[in-house]
């Protein structure tokens, strides 16, 4: 479902976008991914795999269009924990109260949109939204640790393995990005 929605959307709208007069009409393609498609946590491999494929399709589309159609930007929106109707944001609680009690860690959808618009204006392709529980730096460190499994010959998914959890956390606590 996740992957085919993206593929069908691209197949439907890309010809029209390509047909625009590229000298005067800018266009953007926004594809929604998931951090699970990047860090691959255990527990839901089908979802992780579909979101990993979505990331790959978005990356390739960005690459293919950046020279042929320079007025078409492609962005991969990767929201953090977002409280929406799909996640229970408009369901009544046990007392029938429909006031939306957002968990403290989640962002509202408009927070995601504001963050997205800022990063899109900066020309970012990867728009990795934080939330109130996980900041940008932690997301980046988790992603870097995950790719390190392959680079350093570690077993897969070490961040979740009991014998690796402490070492992963120690690395994350010490590692600093240089900008």
N, C-alpha and C. Protein backbone atom coordinates (compact mmCIF):
# COMPACT_ATOMS: atom_id res chain seq x y z
N UNK A 1 0.82 -1.18 0.00
CA UNK A 1 0.00 0.00 0.00
C UNK A 1 0.87 1.26 0.00
N UNK A 2 1.84 1.37 0.90
CA UNK A 2 2.67 2.57 0.97
C UNK A 2 3.42 2.81 -0.32
N UNK A 3 4.07 1.78 -0.82
CA UNK A 3 4.87 1.92 -2.03
C UNK A 3 3.99 2.12 -3.27
N UNK A 4 2.95 1.34 -3.41
CA UNK A 4 2.13 1.45 -4.61
C UNK A 4 1.39 2.78 -4.69
N UNK A 5 1.04 3.35 -3.56
CA UNK A 5 0.43 4.69 -3.56
C UNK A 5 1.38 5.71 -4.15
N UNK A 6 2.64 5.63 -3.77
CA UNK A 6 3.66 6.55 -4.31
C UNK A 6 3.87 6.29 -5.80
N UNK A 7 4.03 5.04 -6.16
CA UNK A 7 4.26 4.70 -7.57
C UNK A 7 3.07 5.15 -8.43
N UNK A 8 1.85 4.87 -7.98
CA UNK A 8 0.67 5.27 -8.75
C UNK A 8 0.54 6.79 -8.81
N UNK A 9 0.85 7.48 -7.73
CA UNK A 9 0.80 8.94 -7.74
C UNK A 9 1.80 9.54 -8.71
N UNK A 10 3.01 9.01 -8.71
CA UNK A 10 4.03 9.49 -9.65
C UNK A 10 3.59 9.20 -11.08
N UNK A 11 3.11 8.00 -11.34
CA UNK A 11 2.68 7.65 -12.70
C UNK A 11 1.54 8.53 -13.17
N UNK A 12 0.68 8.94 -12.25
CA UNK A 12 -0.47 9.77 -12.61
C UNK A 12 -0.08 11.22 -12.86
N UNK A 13 0.72 11.80 -11.97
CA UNK A 13 0.97 13.24 -12.02
C UNK A 13 2.26 13.66 -12.70
N UNK A 14 3.26 12.81 -12.77
CA UNK A 14 4.54 13.21 -13.34
C UNK A 14 4.46 13.65 -14.79
N UNK A 15 3.70 12.98 -15.65
CA UNK A 15 3.62 13.47 -17.03
C UNK A 15 3.10 14.91 -17.11
N UNK A 16 2.12 15.26 -16.30
CA UNK A 16 1.60 16.63 -16.30
C UNK A 16 2.63 17.62 -15.78
N UNK A 17 3.37 17.22 -14.78
CA UNK A 17 4.40 18.10 -14.22
C UNK A 17 5.50 18.32 -15.25
N UNK A 18 5.90 17.26 -15.93
CA UNK A 18 6.95 17.38 -16.95
C UNK A 18 6.49 18.24 -18.12
N UNK A 19 5.19 18.26 -18.39
CA UNK A 19 4.67 19.01 -19.54
C UNK A 19 4.58 20.51 -19.27
N UNK A 20 4.72 20.92 -18.01
CA UNK A 20 4.66 22.35 -17.69
C UNK A 20 5.79 23.09 -18.40
N UNK A 21 5.56 24.34 -18.68
CA UNK A 21 6.62 25.19 -19.22
C UNK A 21 7.66 25.38 -18.12
N UNK A 22 8.76 24.66 -18.22
CA UNK A 22 9.75 24.65 -17.16
C UNK A 22 10.44 25.99 -16.93
N UNK A 23 10.33 26.90 -17.85
CA UNK A 23 10.99 28.19 -17.66
C UNK A 23 10.19 29.12 -16.77
N UNK A 24 8.91 28.84 -16.57
CA UNK A 24 8.12 29.79 -15.80
C UNK A 24 7.30 29.20 -14.66
N UNK A 25 7.09 27.91 -14.64
CA UNK A 25 6.21 27.34 -13.62
C UNK A 25 6.98 26.33 -12.78
N UNK A 26 7.33 26.71 -11.56
CA UNK A 26 7.98 25.73 -10.70
C UNK A 26 6.96 24.73 -10.15
N UNK A 27 7.41 23.55 -9.87
CA UNK A 27 6.55 22.51 -9.31
C UNK A 27 7.33 21.74 -8.26
N UNK A 28 6.61 21.14 -7.34
CA UNK A 28 7.25 20.33 -6.31
C UNK A 28 6.50 19.01 -6.18
N UNK A 29 7.27 17.98 -5.92
CA UNK A 29 6.73 16.66 -5.63
C UNK A 29 7.16 16.33 -4.21
N UNK A 30 6.19 16.05 -3.37
CA UNK A 30 6.46 15.72 -1.97
C UNK A 30 6.02 14.29 -1.74
N UNK A 31 6.95 13.48 -1.28
CA UNK A 31 6.68 12.07 -1.01
C UNK A 31 6.88 11.86 0.49
N UNK A 32 5.92 11.20 1.12
CA UNK A 32 6.00 10.97 2.56
C UNK A 32 6.63 9.62 2.85
N UNK A 33 7.70 9.66 3.60
CA UNK A 33 8.40 8.45 4.01
C UNK A 33 8.19 8.19 5.49
N UNK A 34 9.10 7.43 6.06
CA UNK A 34 9.05 7.10 7.48
C UNK A 34 10.45 6.82 7.97
N UNK A 35 10.70 7.20 9.22
CA UNK A 35 12.00 6.90 9.81
C UNK A 35 12.23 5.40 9.85
N UNK A 36 11.14 4.63 9.93
CA UNK A 36 11.26 3.18 9.95
C UNK A 36 11.81 2.64 8.63
N UNK A 37 11.64 3.37 7.56
CA UNK A 37 12.22 2.97 6.28
C UNK A 37 13.71 3.26 6.20
N UNK A 38 14.24 3.98 7.18
CA UNK A 38 15.66 4.33 7.22
C UNK A 38 16.37 3.53 8.31
N UNK A 39 15.78 3.46 9.51
CA UNK A 39 16.45 2.78 10.63
C UNK A 39 16.03 1.32 10.79
N UNK A 40 14.91 0.93 10.18
CA UNK A 40 14.49 -0.48 10.13
C UNK A 40 14.35 -1.15 11.49
N UNK A 41 13.58 -0.58 12.41
CA UNK A 41 13.44 -1.24 13.71
C UNK A 41 12.70 -2.57 13.59
N UNK A 42 13.03 -3.53 14.45
CA UNK A 42 12.34 -4.81 14.40
C UNK A 42 10.86 -4.66 14.75
N UNK A 43 10.06 -5.58 14.24
CA UNK A 43 8.67 -5.64 14.63
C UNK A 43 7.66 -5.44 13.52
N UNK A 44 8.04 -4.78 12.46
CA UNK A 44 7.09 -4.55 11.37
C UNK A 44 7.85 -4.52 10.04
N UNK A 45 8.44 -5.66 9.65
CA UNK A 45 9.31 -5.67 8.47
C UNK A 45 8.63 -5.28 7.16
N UNK A 46 7.36 -5.61 6.99
CA UNK A 46 6.69 -5.26 5.73
C UNK A 46 6.56 -3.73 5.60
N UNK A 47 6.17 -3.07 6.68
CA UNK A 47 6.07 -1.61 6.67
C UNK A 47 7.45 -0.99 6.45
N UNK A 48 8.45 -1.47 7.18
CA UNK A 48 9.81 -0.94 7.02
C UNK A 48 10.29 -1.08 5.58
N UNK A 49 10.05 -2.24 5.00
CA UNK A 49 10.50 -2.49 3.63
C UNK A 49 9.78 -1.58 2.64
N UNK A 50 8.48 -1.39 2.83
CA UNK A 50 7.75 -0.52 1.90
C UNK A 50 8.23 0.92 2.02
N UNK A 51 8.50 1.38 3.24
CA UNK A 51 8.97 2.75 3.42
C UNK A 51 10.42 2.91 2.97
N UNK A 52 11.21 1.86 3.05
CA UNK A 52 12.55 1.90 2.50
C UNK A 52 12.49 2.04 0.97
N UNK A 53 11.57 1.32 0.37
CA UNK A 53 11.39 1.43 -1.09
C UNK A 53 10.89 2.82 -1.47
N UNK A 54 10.01 3.40 -0.66
CA UNK A 54 9.52 4.77 -0.91
C UNK A 54 10.69 5.73 -0.91
N UNK A 55 11.60 5.59 0.07
CA UNK A 55 12.79 6.44 0.15
C UNK A 55 13.63 6.31 -1.13
N UNK A 56 13.83 5.08 -1.56
CA UNK A 56 14.64 4.84 -2.76
C UNK A 56 13.99 5.45 -4.00
N UNK A 57 12.69 5.28 -4.15
CA UNK A 57 11.99 5.87 -5.30
C UNK A 57 12.12 7.39 -5.27
N UNK A 58 11.94 8.00 -4.10
CA UNK A 58 12.05 9.46 -3.99
C UNK A 58 13.45 9.94 -4.33
N UNK A 59 14.47 9.23 -3.84
CA UNK A 59 15.85 9.60 -4.14
C UNK A 59 16.13 9.53 -5.64
N UNK A 60 15.69 8.46 -6.26
CA UNK A 60 15.92 8.30 -7.71
C UNK A 60 15.15 9.33 -8.52
N UNK A 61 13.92 9.63 -8.12
CA UNK A 61 13.13 10.64 -8.82
C UNK A 61 13.81 12.00 -8.70
N UNK A 62 14.30 12.33 -7.52
CA UNK A 62 15.02 13.59 -7.34
C UNK A 62 16.22 13.66 -8.27
N UNK A 63 16.98 12.58 -8.31
CA UNK A 63 18.17 12.54 -9.15
C UNK A 63 17.82 12.68 -10.64
N UNK A 64 16.81 11.96 -11.07
CA UNK A 64 16.43 11.97 -12.48
C UNK A 64 15.92 13.34 -12.93
N UNK A 65 15.19 14.02 -12.05
CA UNK A 65 14.57 15.28 -12.46
C UNK A 65 15.47 16.50 -12.28
N UNK A 66 16.51 16.42 -11.46
CA UNK A 66 17.25 17.63 -11.12
C UNK A 66 17.94 18.30 -12.31
N UNK A 67 18.29 17.56 -13.34
CA UNK A 67 18.89 18.20 -14.52
C UNK A 67 17.90 18.34 -15.66
N UNK A 68 17.06 17.35 -15.86
CA UNK A 68 16.11 17.41 -16.97
C UNK A 68 15.00 18.43 -16.73
N UNK A 69 14.59 18.58 -15.50
CA UNK A 69 13.50 19.48 -15.14
C UNK A 69 13.89 20.26 -13.88
N UNK A 70 14.78 21.24 -14.02
CA UNK A 70 15.31 21.94 -12.85
C UNK A 70 14.28 22.74 -12.05
N UNK A 71 13.13 23.03 -12.62
CA UNK A 71 12.09 23.75 -11.87
C UNK A 71 11.16 22.81 -11.11
N UNK A 72 11.45 21.51 -11.15
CA UNK A 72 10.67 20.54 -10.39
C UNK A 72 11.54 20.07 -9.22
N UNK A 73 11.11 20.39 -8.02
CA UNK A 73 11.84 19.92 -6.85
C UNK A 73 11.13 18.69 -6.29
N UNK A 74 11.92 17.78 -5.75
CA UNK A 74 11.38 16.57 -5.14
C UNK A 74 11.86 16.55 -3.69
N UNK A 75 10.96 16.26 -2.77
CA UNK A 75 11.28 16.26 -1.35
C UNK A 75 10.74 15.00 -0.70
N UNK A 76 11.52 14.45 0.23
CA UNK A 76 11.08 13.31 1.02
C UNK A 76 10.75 13.82 2.41
N UNK A 77 9.47 13.87 2.74
CA UNK A 77 9.01 14.30 4.05
C UNK A 77 8.95 13.09 4.96
N UNK A 78 9.72 13.12 6.03
CA UNK A 78 9.77 12.03 6.99
C UNK A 78 9.34 12.58 8.35
N UNK A 79 8.03 12.53 8.62
CA UNK A 79 7.55 13.10 9.88
C UNK A 79 7.99 12.27 11.09
N UNK A 80 8.10 12.96 12.22
CA UNK A 80 8.26 12.26 13.48
C UNK A 80 6.88 11.84 13.96
N UNK A 81 6.75 11.66 15.24
CA UNK A 81 5.47 11.26 15.83
C UNK A 81 4.50 12.42 15.67
N UNK A 82 3.44 12.17 14.90
CA UNK A 82 2.46 13.21 14.59
C UNK A 82 1.08 12.73 15.02
N UNK A 83 0.38 13.57 15.74
CA UNK A 83 -0.93 13.22 16.29
C UNK A 83 -2.01 13.67 15.33
N UNK A 84 -2.63 12.71 14.64
CA UNK A 84 -3.65 13.01 13.64
C UNK A 84 -4.89 12.14 13.88
N UNK A 85 -5.88 12.33 13.06
CA UNK A 85 -7.07 11.48 13.13
C UNK A 85 -6.74 10.02 12.90
N UNK A 86 -5.74 9.75 12.08
CA UNK A 86 -5.34 8.36 11.82
C UNK A 86 -4.68 7.73 13.04
N UNK A 87 -4.13 8.55 13.93
CA UNK A 87 -3.45 8.02 15.11
C UNK A 87 -4.26 8.22 16.38
N UNK A 88 -5.53 8.47 16.23
CA UNK A 88 -6.40 8.61 17.38
C UNK A 88 -6.66 10.04 17.80
N UNK A 89 -6.24 10.97 16.99
CA UNK A 89 -6.36 12.37 17.34
C UNK A 89 -7.78 12.88 17.44
N UNK A 90 -8.73 12.21 16.86
CA UNK A 90 -10.10 12.71 16.96
C UNK A 90 -11.05 11.64 17.51
N UNK A 91 -10.52 10.66 18.20
CA UNK A 91 -11.36 9.63 18.82
C UNK A 91 -11.74 10.06 20.23
N UNK A 92 -12.98 9.83 20.62
CA UNK A 92 -13.36 10.16 22.00
C UNK A 92 -12.63 9.25 22.98
N UNK A 93 -12.38 9.77 24.17
CA UNK A 93 -11.77 8.93 25.21
C UNK A 93 -12.85 8.07 25.86
N UNK A 94 -12.51 7.36 26.93
CA UNK A 94 -13.44 6.42 27.57
C UNK A 94 -14.71 7.10 28.08
N UNK A 95 -14.62 8.39 28.41
CA UNK A 95 -15.79 9.13 28.90
C UNK A 95 -16.60 9.76 27.76
N UNK A 96 -16.22 9.49 26.53
CA UNK A 96 -16.92 10.07 25.39
C UNK A 96 -16.49 11.49 25.08
N UNK A 97 -15.45 11.97 25.76
CA UNK A 97 -14.94 13.32 25.54
C UNK A 97 -14.11 13.32 24.26
N UNK A 98 -14.47 14.18 23.34
CA UNK A 98 -13.73 14.20 22.07
C UNK A 98 -12.65 15.27 22.05
N UNK A 99 -12.34 15.87 23.19
CA UNK A 99 -11.21 16.79 23.21
C UNK A 99 -9.95 16.03 22.85
N UNK A 100 -9.20 16.61 21.98
CA UNK A 100 -8.01 15.94 21.50
C UNK A 100 -6.89 16.10 22.51
N UNK A 101 -6.59 15.06 23.21
CA UNK A 101 -5.50 15.06 24.19
C UNK A 101 -4.26 14.47 23.55
N UNK A 102 -3.52 15.34 22.95
CA UNK A 102 -2.30 14.92 22.25
C UNK A 102 -1.25 14.48 23.27
N UNK A 103 -0.62 13.34 23.04
CA UNK A 103 0.50 12.96 23.91
C UNK A 103 1.60 14.01 23.85
N UNK A 104 2.29 14.21 24.95
CA UNK A 104 3.31 15.25 25.02
C UNK A 104 4.40 15.09 23.97
N UNK A 105 4.74 13.85 23.62
CA UNK A 105 5.83 13.61 22.68
C UNK A 105 5.50 13.91 21.23
N UNK A 106 4.23 13.94 20.90
CA UNK A 106 3.82 14.09 19.49
C UNK A 106 3.74 15.55 19.07
N UNK A 107 3.86 15.76 17.78
CA UNK A 107 3.62 17.07 17.17
C UNK A 107 2.22 17.07 16.56
N UNK A 108 1.64 18.26 16.46
CA UNK A 108 0.41 18.45 15.70
C UNK A 108 0.77 18.49 14.22
N UNK A 109 -0.15 18.16 13.34
CA UNK A 109 0.13 18.23 11.90
C UNK A 109 0.62 19.60 11.44
N UNK A 110 0.08 20.68 12.00
CA UNK A 110 0.53 22.00 11.55
C UNK A 110 1.98 22.27 11.92
N UNK A 111 2.48 21.64 12.99
CA UNK A 111 3.89 21.77 13.32
C UNK A 111 4.75 21.09 12.25
N UNK A 112 4.30 19.94 11.78
CA UNK A 112 5.02 19.23 10.72
C UNK A 112 5.03 20.08 9.45
N UNK A 113 3.89 20.66 9.12
CA UNK A 113 3.79 21.50 7.91
C UNK A 113 4.72 22.70 8.02
N UNK A 114 4.74 23.36 9.16
CA UNK A 114 5.62 24.53 9.35
C UNK A 114 7.08 24.13 9.17
N UNK A 115 7.47 23.03 9.78
CA UNK A 115 8.85 22.55 9.67
C UNK A 115 9.17 22.19 8.22
N UNK A 116 8.24 21.48 7.60
CA UNK A 116 8.42 21.09 6.20
C UNK A 116 8.61 22.31 5.30
N UNK A 117 7.75 23.30 5.45
CA UNK A 117 7.84 24.49 4.59
C UNK A 117 9.18 25.19 4.76
N UNK A 118 9.68 25.26 5.99
CA UNK A 118 10.97 25.89 6.25
C UNK A 118 12.09 25.12 5.54
N UNK A 119 12.12 23.82 5.69
CA UNK A 119 13.17 23.00 5.08
C UNK A 119 13.04 22.97 3.55
N UNK A 120 11.82 22.97 3.05
CA UNK A 120 11.61 23.01 1.61
C UNK A 120 12.14 24.32 1.04
N UNK A 121 11.89 25.43 1.73
CA UNK A 121 12.39 26.73 1.29
C UNK A 121 13.92 26.76 1.29
N UNK A 122 14.53 25.97 2.15
CA UNK A 122 15.99 25.86 2.19
C UNK A 122 16.53 24.94 1.11
N UNK A 123 15.64 24.29 0.36
CA UNK A 123 16.05 23.39 -0.71
C UNK A 123 16.41 21.99 -0.24
N UNK A 124 15.98 21.61 0.95
CA UNK A 124 16.30 20.28 1.48
C UNK A 124 15.49 19.20 0.76
N UNK A 125 16.14 18.11 0.45
CA UNK A 125 15.43 16.93 -0.07
C UNK A 125 14.93 16.10 1.11
N UNK A 126 15.85 15.70 2.00
CA UNK A 126 15.48 14.91 3.17
C UNK A 126 14.94 15.86 4.23
N UNK A 127 13.66 15.78 4.50
CA UNK A 127 13.06 16.63 5.52
C UNK A 127 12.65 15.69 6.66
N UNK A 128 13.57 15.54 7.60
CA UNK A 128 13.42 14.61 8.71
C UNK A 128 12.91 15.39 9.91
N UNK A 129 11.61 15.30 10.14
CA UNK A 129 10.97 16.09 11.20
C UNK A 129 11.24 15.49 12.57
N UNK A 130 11.63 16.32 13.49
CA UNK A 130 11.69 15.85 14.88
C UNK A 130 10.28 15.81 15.46
N UNK A 131 10.19 15.49 16.72
CA UNK A 131 8.94 15.62 17.47
C UNK A 131 9.32 16.04 18.87
N UNK A 132 8.44 15.99 19.82
CA UNK A 132 8.78 16.43 21.17
C UNK A 132 9.56 15.40 21.97
N UNK A 133 9.72 14.19 21.43
CA UNK A 133 10.52 13.16 22.10
C UNK A 133 11.89 12.97 21.47
N UNK A 134 12.00 13.15 20.15
CA UNK A 134 13.24 12.87 19.43
C UNK A 134 13.64 14.10 18.63
N UNK A 135 14.83 14.63 18.93
CA UNK A 135 15.30 15.81 18.20
C UNK A 135 16.05 15.41 16.92
N UNK A 136 16.40 16.40 16.12
CA UNK A 136 17.06 16.14 14.84
C UNK A 136 18.38 15.41 15.02
N UNK A 137 19.16 15.81 16.01
CA UNK A 137 20.47 15.19 16.20
C UNK A 137 20.34 13.71 16.55
N UNK A 138 19.38 13.37 17.40
CA UNK A 138 19.18 11.97 17.75
C UNK A 138 18.77 11.15 16.54
N UNK A 139 17.87 11.70 15.72
CA UNK A 139 17.49 11.00 14.48
C UNK A 139 18.71 10.76 13.61
N UNK A 140 19.53 11.77 13.43
CA UNK A 140 20.71 11.64 12.57
C UNK A 140 21.67 10.59 13.12
N UNK A 141 21.87 10.59 14.43
CA UNK A 141 22.76 9.60 15.04
C UNK A 141 22.21 8.19 14.87
N UNK A 142 20.91 8.03 15.05
CA UNK A 142 20.30 6.70 14.88
C UNK A 142 20.50 6.20 13.45
N UNK A 143 20.33 7.09 12.49
CA UNK A 143 20.50 6.70 11.08
C UNK A 143 21.95 6.35 10.79
N UNK A 144 22.87 7.15 11.32
CA UNK A 144 24.29 6.89 11.10
C UNK A 144 24.71 5.57 11.75
N UNK A 145 24.23 5.31 12.96
CA UNK A 145 24.55 4.03 13.61
C UNK A 145 24.03 2.88 12.78
N UNK A 146 22.82 3.01 12.27
CA UNK A 146 22.19 1.93 11.49
C UNK A 146 23.01 1.60 10.26
N UNK A 147 23.45 2.59 9.49
CA UNK A 147 24.26 2.30 8.30
C UNK A 147 25.62 1.74 8.71
N UNK A 148 26.07 2.06 9.91
CA UNK A 148 27.33 1.51 10.41
C UNK A 148 27.31 0.01 10.60
N UNK A 149 26.12 -0.56 10.78
CA UNK A 149 26.05 -2.02 10.89
C UNK A 149 26.69 -2.67 9.67
N UNK A 150 26.35 -2.21 8.49
CA UNK A 150 26.90 -2.78 7.25
C UNK A 150 28.35 -2.37 7.06
N UNK A 151 28.65 -1.11 7.31
CA UNK A 151 30.01 -0.60 7.07
C UNK A 151 31.03 -1.27 7.99
N UNK A 152 30.67 -1.50 9.23
CA UNK A 152 31.60 -2.04 10.22
C UNK A 152 31.48 -3.54 10.41
N UNK A 153 30.66 -4.21 9.60
CA UNK A 153 30.53 -5.66 9.68
C UNK A 153 29.81 -6.15 10.93
N UNK A 154 28.98 -5.30 11.50
CA UNK A 154 28.19 -5.72 12.66
C UNK A 154 26.98 -6.50 12.17
N UNK A 155 26.34 -7.25 13.06
CA UNK A 155 25.08 -7.89 12.67
C UNK A 155 24.01 -6.82 12.43
N UNK A 156 22.96 -7.15 11.71
CA UNK A 156 21.92 -6.14 11.46
C UNK A 156 21.16 -5.79 12.73
N UNK A 157 20.64 -4.58 12.74
CA UNK A 157 19.75 -4.10 13.80
C UNK A 157 20.41 -4.12 15.18
N UNK A 158 21.69 -3.75 15.23
CA UNK A 158 22.41 -3.81 16.51
C UNK A 158 21.84 -2.87 17.56
N UNK A 159 21.25 -1.78 17.16
CA UNK A 159 20.72 -0.83 18.15
C UNK A 159 19.67 -1.48 19.05
N UNK A 160 19.03 -2.53 18.57
CA UNK A 160 17.99 -3.20 19.34
C UNK A 160 18.45 -4.52 19.97
N UNK A 161 19.66 -4.95 19.67
CA UNK A 161 20.16 -6.22 20.23
C UNK A 161 20.71 -5.98 21.64
N UNK A 162 20.34 -6.84 22.56
CA UNK A 162 20.77 -6.67 23.96
C UNK A 162 22.29 -6.53 24.07
N UNK A 163 23.03 -7.35 23.31
CA UNK A 163 24.49 -7.33 23.42
C UNK A 163 25.13 -6.09 22.79
N UNK A 164 24.34 -5.27 22.08
CA UNK A 164 24.86 -4.07 21.42
C UNK A 164 24.24 -2.78 21.94
N UNK A 165 23.13 -2.86 22.64
CA UNK A 165 22.41 -1.65 23.05
C UNK A 165 23.30 -0.66 23.81
N UNK A 166 24.07 -1.15 24.76
CA UNK A 166 24.90 -0.26 25.56
C UNK A 166 25.97 0.42 24.71
N UNK A 167 26.61 -0.35 23.84
CA UNK A 167 27.65 0.22 22.98
C UNK A 167 27.04 1.26 22.03
N UNK A 168 25.87 0.98 21.50
CA UNK A 168 25.20 1.94 20.60
C UNK A 168 24.87 3.23 21.35
N UNK A 169 24.36 3.10 22.56
CA UNK A 169 24.01 4.30 23.34
C UNK A 169 25.26 5.08 23.72
N UNK A 170 26.34 4.39 24.09
CA UNK A 170 27.59 5.08 24.41
C UNK A 170 28.08 5.88 23.20
N UNK A 171 28.02 5.26 22.02
CA UNK A 171 28.45 5.95 20.80
C UNK A 171 27.57 7.17 20.55
N UNK A 172 26.26 7.01 20.69
CA UNK A 172 25.35 8.13 20.45
C UNK A 172 25.58 9.27 21.44
N UNK A 173 25.91 8.92 22.67
CA UNK A 173 26.15 9.95 23.68
C UNK A 173 27.43 10.74 23.38
N UNK A 174 28.42 10.08 22.78
CA UNK A 174 29.72 10.72 22.52
C UNK A 174 29.81 11.38 21.15
N UNK A 175 29.13 10.84 20.16
CA UNK A 175 29.31 11.31 18.79
C UNK A 175 28.78 12.72 18.62
N UNK A 176 29.56 13.55 17.93
CA UNK A 176 29.12 14.92 17.60
C UNK A 176 29.31 15.13 16.11
N UNK A 177 28.30 15.71 15.49
CA UNK A 177 28.38 16.04 14.07
C UNK A 177 29.22 17.29 13.89
N UNK A 178 30.04 17.28 12.87
CA UNK A 178 30.77 18.50 12.53
C UNK A 178 30.09 19.12 11.32
N UNK A 179 29.73 20.35 11.43
CA UNK A 179 29.05 21.02 10.32
C UNK A 179 29.95 22.01 9.65
